[in-house]
Amino acid sequence: MFFPISDDDRHLVKPAYVTWLLLISNVLVYMYQLQNPLFTYGYSAVPAEITTGRDIIEPIQLLIGGGESVTIPHIRGPSPIYLTLLTSMFMHGGWMHIGGNMLFLWIFGDNVEHRFGHGRFTVFYLVSGLVASFAQIAISPDSAIPTLGASGAIAGILGAYLVLFPHNRVHAILIFQVVSVPAFLVIAIWAVTQFVGGFGSGDVAGQSGGVAYAAHIGGFIAGALIALFFRGQLRTEPDSVFARSYQRDPRDRRLW
C-alpha cells in the first residue's frame, strides 16, 4: 500500500484561498446530493447529452456484465445541458470518491495555486476539468452513463505539480510506515496506474470499475501542458511565496 498524506508546505506562508473554496464547494455539493439523490442524475455530465445537445429525461436501461440489466433514472438537467460539464466537476459518487479527491486537492492544490496566482489557478482548474470531461466523451460519445467528480481537474493539478515541483517532498504511507519521497515519484506511480487502468478497461462507457480513466489521463496531460506553457511564458519570476523564499535562500529553487 502506497498512500500520500501530505507534502512539504514550509514555504507557503499565505492561505490558498481558491483551493480551500474548491474543497468546501465540493463537500457542500456532495452534502446536497445526499439529501437530493435525483439531483445527481440531472446535473452529471452525460456524454450522449453533450454530443447531441439534448437533455435525456427518460429512464434508460443498460446491460452490464453477465447480461444483468440496470436502470439509470435520468431527470431534467440545466439549460443549456452543456452546463453539466461544470456542475459535474463538483459532484461525487460516494464517500471514498470525494474523500480521495479532496485529499489530493488538499495536498497538491495549494502549491500550484501559489505558483499560478489565485485567478490563473481558478481558470486552470476549470479548464483541466473541462478537458478531462471532453477526453471521456471522446471515447464514449454515445454513452448514457453519467460522469461526475473532480478527478479530472485534480489530475490536472497533479500534471502541473509534476512540472512545477518535481523535487518537492511528499509524505506517504508505505505499508505501515511514513516515508518522504520526491513528488515526481509519487505522481509517476499515480500516472502509471491511470494509463494501465485506462488501456485495460474494456466496457462500452470507457470505464473500469466505475473509474473514468480517460478523464484522468486527459486532465493530467492538460495540466502538465498548461504548466509548461505558463513556465515558458515567464520573462521574470512573478511575485510569490516561492520567489521571496528564493531571494532569501537561492537553494530553495531546487523545489521548483
Protein backbone atom coordinates (compact mmCIF):
# COMPACT_ATOMS: atom_id res chain seq x y z
CA MET A 1 0.00 0.00 0.00
CA PHE A 2 1.36 3.43 -1.03
CA PHE A 3 -0.82 6.33 0.09
CA PRO A 4 0.22 10.05 0.03
CA ILE A 5 -0.88 12.06 3.06
CA SER A 6 0.87 15.47 2.78
CA ASP A 7 3.66 17.43 1.11
CA ASP A 8 6.31 19.88 2.27
CA ASP A 9 4.46 23.20 2.71
CA ARG A 10 7.02 25.04 4.81
CA HIS A 11 7.42 27.73 2.14
CA LEU A 12 3.70 28.51 1.93
CA VAL A 13 3.03 31.49 4.17
CA LYS A 14 -0.29 32.60 2.64
CA PRO A 15 -3.61 30.77 2.66
CA ALA A 16 -4.56 29.02 -0.57
CA TYR A 17 -7.99 30.62 -0.75
CA VAL A 18 -9.11 29.09 -4.06
CA THR A 19 -8.07 25.59 -3.02
CA TRP A 20 -9.99 25.98 0.23
CA LEU A 21 -13.05 27.34 -1.62
CA LEU A 22 -12.98 24.46 -4.10
CA LEU A 23 -12.70 21.93 -1.30
CA ILE A 24 -15.60 23.45 0.64
CA SER A 25 -17.72 23.73 -2.52
CA ASN A 26 -17.21 20.06 -3.36
CA VAL A 27 -18.16 18.99 0.15
CA LEU A 28 -21.27 21.20 0.22
CA VAL A 29 -22.45 19.92 -3.16
CA TYR A 30 -21.94 16.34 -2.02
CA MET A 31 -23.98 17.04 1.10
CA TYR A 32 -26.74 18.36 -1.17
CA GLN A 33 -26.50 15.21 -3.31
CA LEU A 34 -27.06 13.06 -0.24
CA GLN A 35 -30.23 15.00 0.56
CA ASN A 36 -31.43 15.08 -3.07
CA PRO A 37 -30.31 11.87 -4.83
CA LEU A 38 -32.05 12.66 -8.13
CA PHE A 39 -30.00 15.87 -8.43
CA THR A 40 -27.01 13.67 -9.29
CA TYR A 41 -28.72 12.25 -12.38
CA GLY A 42 -29.84 15.63 -13.67
CA TYR A 43 -26.59 17.55 -13.22
CA SER A 44 -23.94 14.93 -14.00
CA ALA A 45 -22.32 15.11 -17.43
CA VAL A 46 -23.80 12.51 -19.77
CA PRO A 47 -21.74 12.06 -22.98
CA ALA A 48 -24.82 11.44 -25.13
CA GLU A 49 -26.38 14.68 -23.88
CA ILE A 50 -23.26 16.73 -24.63
CA THR A 51 -22.75 15.31 -28.13
CA THR A 52 -26.41 15.74 -29.13
CA GLY A 53 -27.30 18.82 -27.09
CA ARG A 54 -30.47 17.02 -25.94
CA ASP A 55 -31.39 16.60 -22.30
CA ILE A 56 -32.29 12.97 -21.61
CA ILE A 57 -35.21 12.87 -19.18
CA GLU A 58 -36.43 9.29 -19.61
CA PRO A 59 -35.02 6.33 -17.64
CA ILE A 60 -32.62 4.23 -19.70
CA GLN A 61 -31.95 0.52 -19.30
CA LEU A 62 -28.44 -0.77 -19.89
CA LEU A 63 -26.98 -4.25 -19.95
CA ILE A 64 -23.92 -4.76 -17.78
CA GLY A 65 -21.66 -7.77 -17.18
CA GLY A 66 -23.40 -11.11 -17.12
CA GLY A 67 -26.41 -9.82 -19.01
CA GLU A 68 -27.78 -8.02 -15.95
CA SER A 69 -30.00 -5.02 -16.67
CA VAL A 70 -29.69 -1.75 -14.76
CA THR A 71 -31.93 1.31 -15.00
CA ILE A 72 -30.46 4.82 -14.96
CA PRO A 73 -33.15 7.31 -13.77
CA HIS A 74 -32.32 10.37 -15.89
CA ILE A 75 -34.14 13.58 -14.95
CA ARG A 76 -34.22 17.10 -16.36
CA GLY A 77 -30.92 18.96 -16.05
CA PRO A 78 -29.85 22.59 -16.51
CA SER A 79 -30.48 24.60 -19.65
CA PRO A 80 -28.40 24.55 -21.73
CA ILE A 81 -27.41 20.98 -20.92
CA TYR A 82 -23.75 21.82 -21.55
CA LEU A 83 -23.67 23.40 -18.08
CA THR A 84 -23.40 19.88 -16.69
CA LEU A 85 -19.76 19.97 -17.81
CA LEU A 86 -19.23 22.43 -14.96
CA THR A 87 -21.70 21.15 -12.37
CA SER A 88 -20.42 17.59 -12.67
CA MET A 89 -16.94 18.77 -11.60
CA PHE A 90 -18.27 19.46 -8.09
CA MET A 91 -20.23 16.24 -7.65
CA HIS A 92 -19.16 12.80 -6.41
CA GLY A 93 -20.44 9.26 -6.31
CA GLY A 94 -19.60 8.24 -2.76
CA TRP A 95 -17.57 8.89 0.37
CA MET A 96 -14.45 7.17 -0.97
CA HIS A 97 -14.73 9.12 -4.21
CA ILE A 98 -14.93 12.55 -2.61
CA GLY A 99 -12.50 11.62 0.18
CA GLY A 100 -9.74 10.61 -2.21
CA ASN A 101 -10.26 13.61 -4.47
CA MET A 102 -10.30 16.13 -1.64
CA LEU A 103 -7.18 14.60 -0.08
CA PHE A 104 -5.25 15.07 -3.33
CA LEU A 105 -6.67 18.58 -3.77
CA TRP A 106 -5.59 19.44 -0.22
CA ILE A 107 -2.08 18.02 -0.68
CA PHE A 108 -1.20 19.32 -4.13
CA GLY A 109 -3.55 22.24 -4.87
CA ASP A 110 -2.05 24.90 -2.61
CA ASN A 111 1.43 24.79 -4.15
CA VAL A 112 0.08 25.08 -7.69
CA GLU A 113 -2.25 27.90 -6.62
CA HIS A 114 0.62 29.89 -5.09
CA ARG A 115 2.72 29.38 -8.20
CA PHE A 116 -0.04 30.40 -10.64
CA GLY A 117 -1.78 33.00 -8.51
CA HIS A 118 -5.42 32.83 -7.41
CA GLY A 119 -7.02 33.96 -10.68
CA ARG A 120 -4.92 31.88 -13.05
CA PHE A 121 -5.29 28.85 -10.80
CA THR A 122 -9.09 29.13 -10.90
CA VAL A 123 -9.08 29.21 -14.71
CA PHE A 124 -6.52 26.40 -14.82
CA TYR A 125 -8.63 24.17 -12.57
CA LEU A 126 -11.78 24.64 -14.63
CA VAL A 127 -10.00 24.19 -17.96
CA SER A 128 -8.32 20.98 -16.74
CA GLY A 129 -11.70 19.65 -15.64
CA LEU A 130 -13.33 20.51 -18.97
CA VAL A 131 -10.54 18.89 -20.97
CA ALA A 132 -10.89 15.79 -18.79
CA SER A 133 -14.63 15.63 -19.49
CA PHE A 134 -14.10 16.02 -23.25
CA ALA A 135 -11.49 13.25 -23.18
CA GLN A 136 -14.01 10.90 -21.59
CA ILE A 137 -16.75 11.97 -24.00
CA ALA A 138 -14.43 11.44 -26.98
CA ILE A 139 -14.05 7.72 -26.27
CA SER A 140 -17.72 7.12 -25.43
CA PRO A 141 -19.76 9.82 -27.23
CA ASP A 142 -22.99 7.79 -27.20
CA SER A 143 -22.85 6.70 -23.57
CA ALA A 144 -25.85 7.45 -21.38
CA ILE A 145 -23.89 6.74 -18.19
CA PRO A 146 -23.50 9.89 -16.04
CA THR A 147 -19.94 11.00 -15.29
CA LEU A 148 -19.10 13.14 -12.31
CA GLY A 149 -16.30 14.11 -9.96
CA ALA A 150 -13.39 16.48 -9.53
CA SER A 151 -10.92 13.76 -10.54
CA GLY A 152 -10.14 15.23 -13.96
CA ALA A 153 -9.40 18.70 -12.61
CA ILE A 154 -7.31 17.26 -9.78
CA ALA A 155 -5.42 15.14 -12.32
CA GLY A 156 -4.61 18.46 -13.99
CA ILE A 157 -3.22 19.73 -10.70
CA LEU A 158 -1.01 16.64 -10.47
CA GLY A 159 0.26 17.24 -14.00
CA ALA A 160 1.12 20.86 -13.14
CA TYR A 161 2.69 19.84 -9.84
CA LEU A 162 4.94 17.40 -11.69
CA VAL A 163 6.15 20.21 -13.97
CA LEU A 164 6.50 22.89 -11.30
CA PHE A 165 7.54 20.98 -8.17
CA PRO A 166 9.13 17.69 -9.22
CA HIS A 167 11.61 17.65 -6.33
CA ASN A 168 9.32 18.72 -3.50
CA ARG A 169 8.94 16.08 -0.82
CA VAL A 170 5.68 14.19 -0.43
CA HIS A 171 4.95 12.21 2.70
CA ALA A 172 3.20 8.90 2.17
CA ILE A 173 2.25 5.73 3.99
CA LEU A 174 4.18 2.75 2.68
CA ILE A 175 2.79 -0.43 4.21
CA PHE A 176 2.94 0.52 7.93
CA GLN A 177 5.41 3.40 7.95
CA VAL A 178 5.57 7.01 6.75
CA VAL A 179 8.16 7.77 4.07
CA SER A 180 9.20 11.01 2.37
CA VAL A 181 9.84 10.78 -1.38
CA PRO A 182 10.17 13.23 -4.31
CA ALA A 183 6.90 14.39 -5.84
CA PHE A 184 7.84 13.06 -9.28
CA LEU A 185 7.94 9.51 -7.89
CA VAL A 186 4.51 9.78 -6.24
CA ILE A 187 2.90 11.31 -9.32
CA ALA A 188 4.64 8.83 -11.63
CA ILE A 189 3.13 5.94 -9.64
CA TRP A 190 -0.30 7.56 -9.90
CA ALA A 191 0.11 8.23 -13.64
CA VAL A 192 1.18 4.66 -14.38
CA THR A 193 -1.88 3.26 -12.61
CA GLN A 194 -4.12 5.56 -14.67
CA PHE A 195 -2.57 4.66 -18.02
CA VAL A 196 -2.51 0.96 -17.23
CA GLY A 197 -6.08 1.06 -15.95
CA GLY A 198 -7.19 3.07 -18.97
CA PHE A 199 -5.75 0.68 -21.52
CA GLY A 200 -7.11 -2.24 -19.54
CA SER A 201 -10.71 -1.01 -19.37
CA GLY A 202 -12.97 -2.51 -21.96
CA ASP A 203 -16.63 -1.72 -21.32
CA VAL A 204 -18.77 0.46 -23.54
CA ALA A 205 -18.51 3.52 -21.31
CA GLY A 206 -14.74 3.60 -21.30
CA GLN A 207 -14.77 2.98 -17.58
CA SER A 208 -13.33 0.22 -15.44
CA GLY A 209 -14.87 -0.39 -12.08
CA GLY A 210 -16.66 2.96 -12.28
CA VAL A 211 -13.42 4.91 -12.89
CA ALA A 212 -13.30 7.24 -15.93
CA TYR A 213 -9.63 6.71 -16.75
CA ALA A 214 -9.77 8.74 -19.97
CA ALA A 215 -10.81 11.79 -17.93
CA HIS A 216 -7.89 11.29 -15.55
CA ILE A 217 -5.41 10.93 -18.40
CA GLY A 218 -6.83 13.90 -20.30
CA GLY A 219 -6.82 16.14 -17.23
CA PHE A 220 -3.27 15.14 -16.31
CA ILE A 221 -1.89 15.86 -19.78
CA ALA A 222 -3.78 19.16 -19.94
CA GLY A 223 -2.41 20.24 -16.56
CA ALA A 224 1.17 19.38 -17.49
CA LEU A 225 0.94 21.20 -20.84
CA ILE A 226 -0.62 24.31 -19.31
CA ALA A 227 2.11 24.42 -16.64
CA LEU A 228 4.82 24.03 -19.30
CA PHE A 229 3.28 26.85 -21.34
CA PHE A 230 2.93 29.05 -18.26
CA ARG A 231 6.52 28.49 -17.22
CA GLY A 232 7.79 29.11 -20.73
CA GLN A 233 5.96 32.45 -20.96
CA LEU A 234 7.58 33.87 -17.83
CA ARG A 235 10.16 36.52 -18.66
CA THR A 236 10.65 37.25 -14.97
CA GLU A 237 9.57 35.28 -11.95
CA PRO A 238 6.22 36.63 -10.64
CA ASP A 239 5.98 37.65 -7.01
CA SER A 240 5.03 34.65 -4.91
CA VAL A 241 5.97 32.93 -1.69
CA PHE A 242 8.37 30.81 -3.75
CA ALA A 243 10.10 33.81 -5.36
CA ARG A 244 10.53 35.51 -1.98
CA SER A 245 11.83 32.30 -0.45
CA TYR A 246 14.35 32.01 -3.29
CA GLN A 247 15.54 35.56 -2.66
CA ARG A 248 16.21 34.65 0.95
CA ASP A 249 17.91 31.37 0.10
CA PRO A 250 18.76 30.54 -3.56
CA ARG A 251 18.91 26.85 -2.67
CA ASP A 252 15.11 26.85 -2.34
CA ARG A 253 14.81 26.94 -6.12
CA ARG A 254 15.52 23.24 -6.12
CA LEU A 255 11.82 22.82 -5.24
CA TRP A 256 10.59 24.42 -8.46
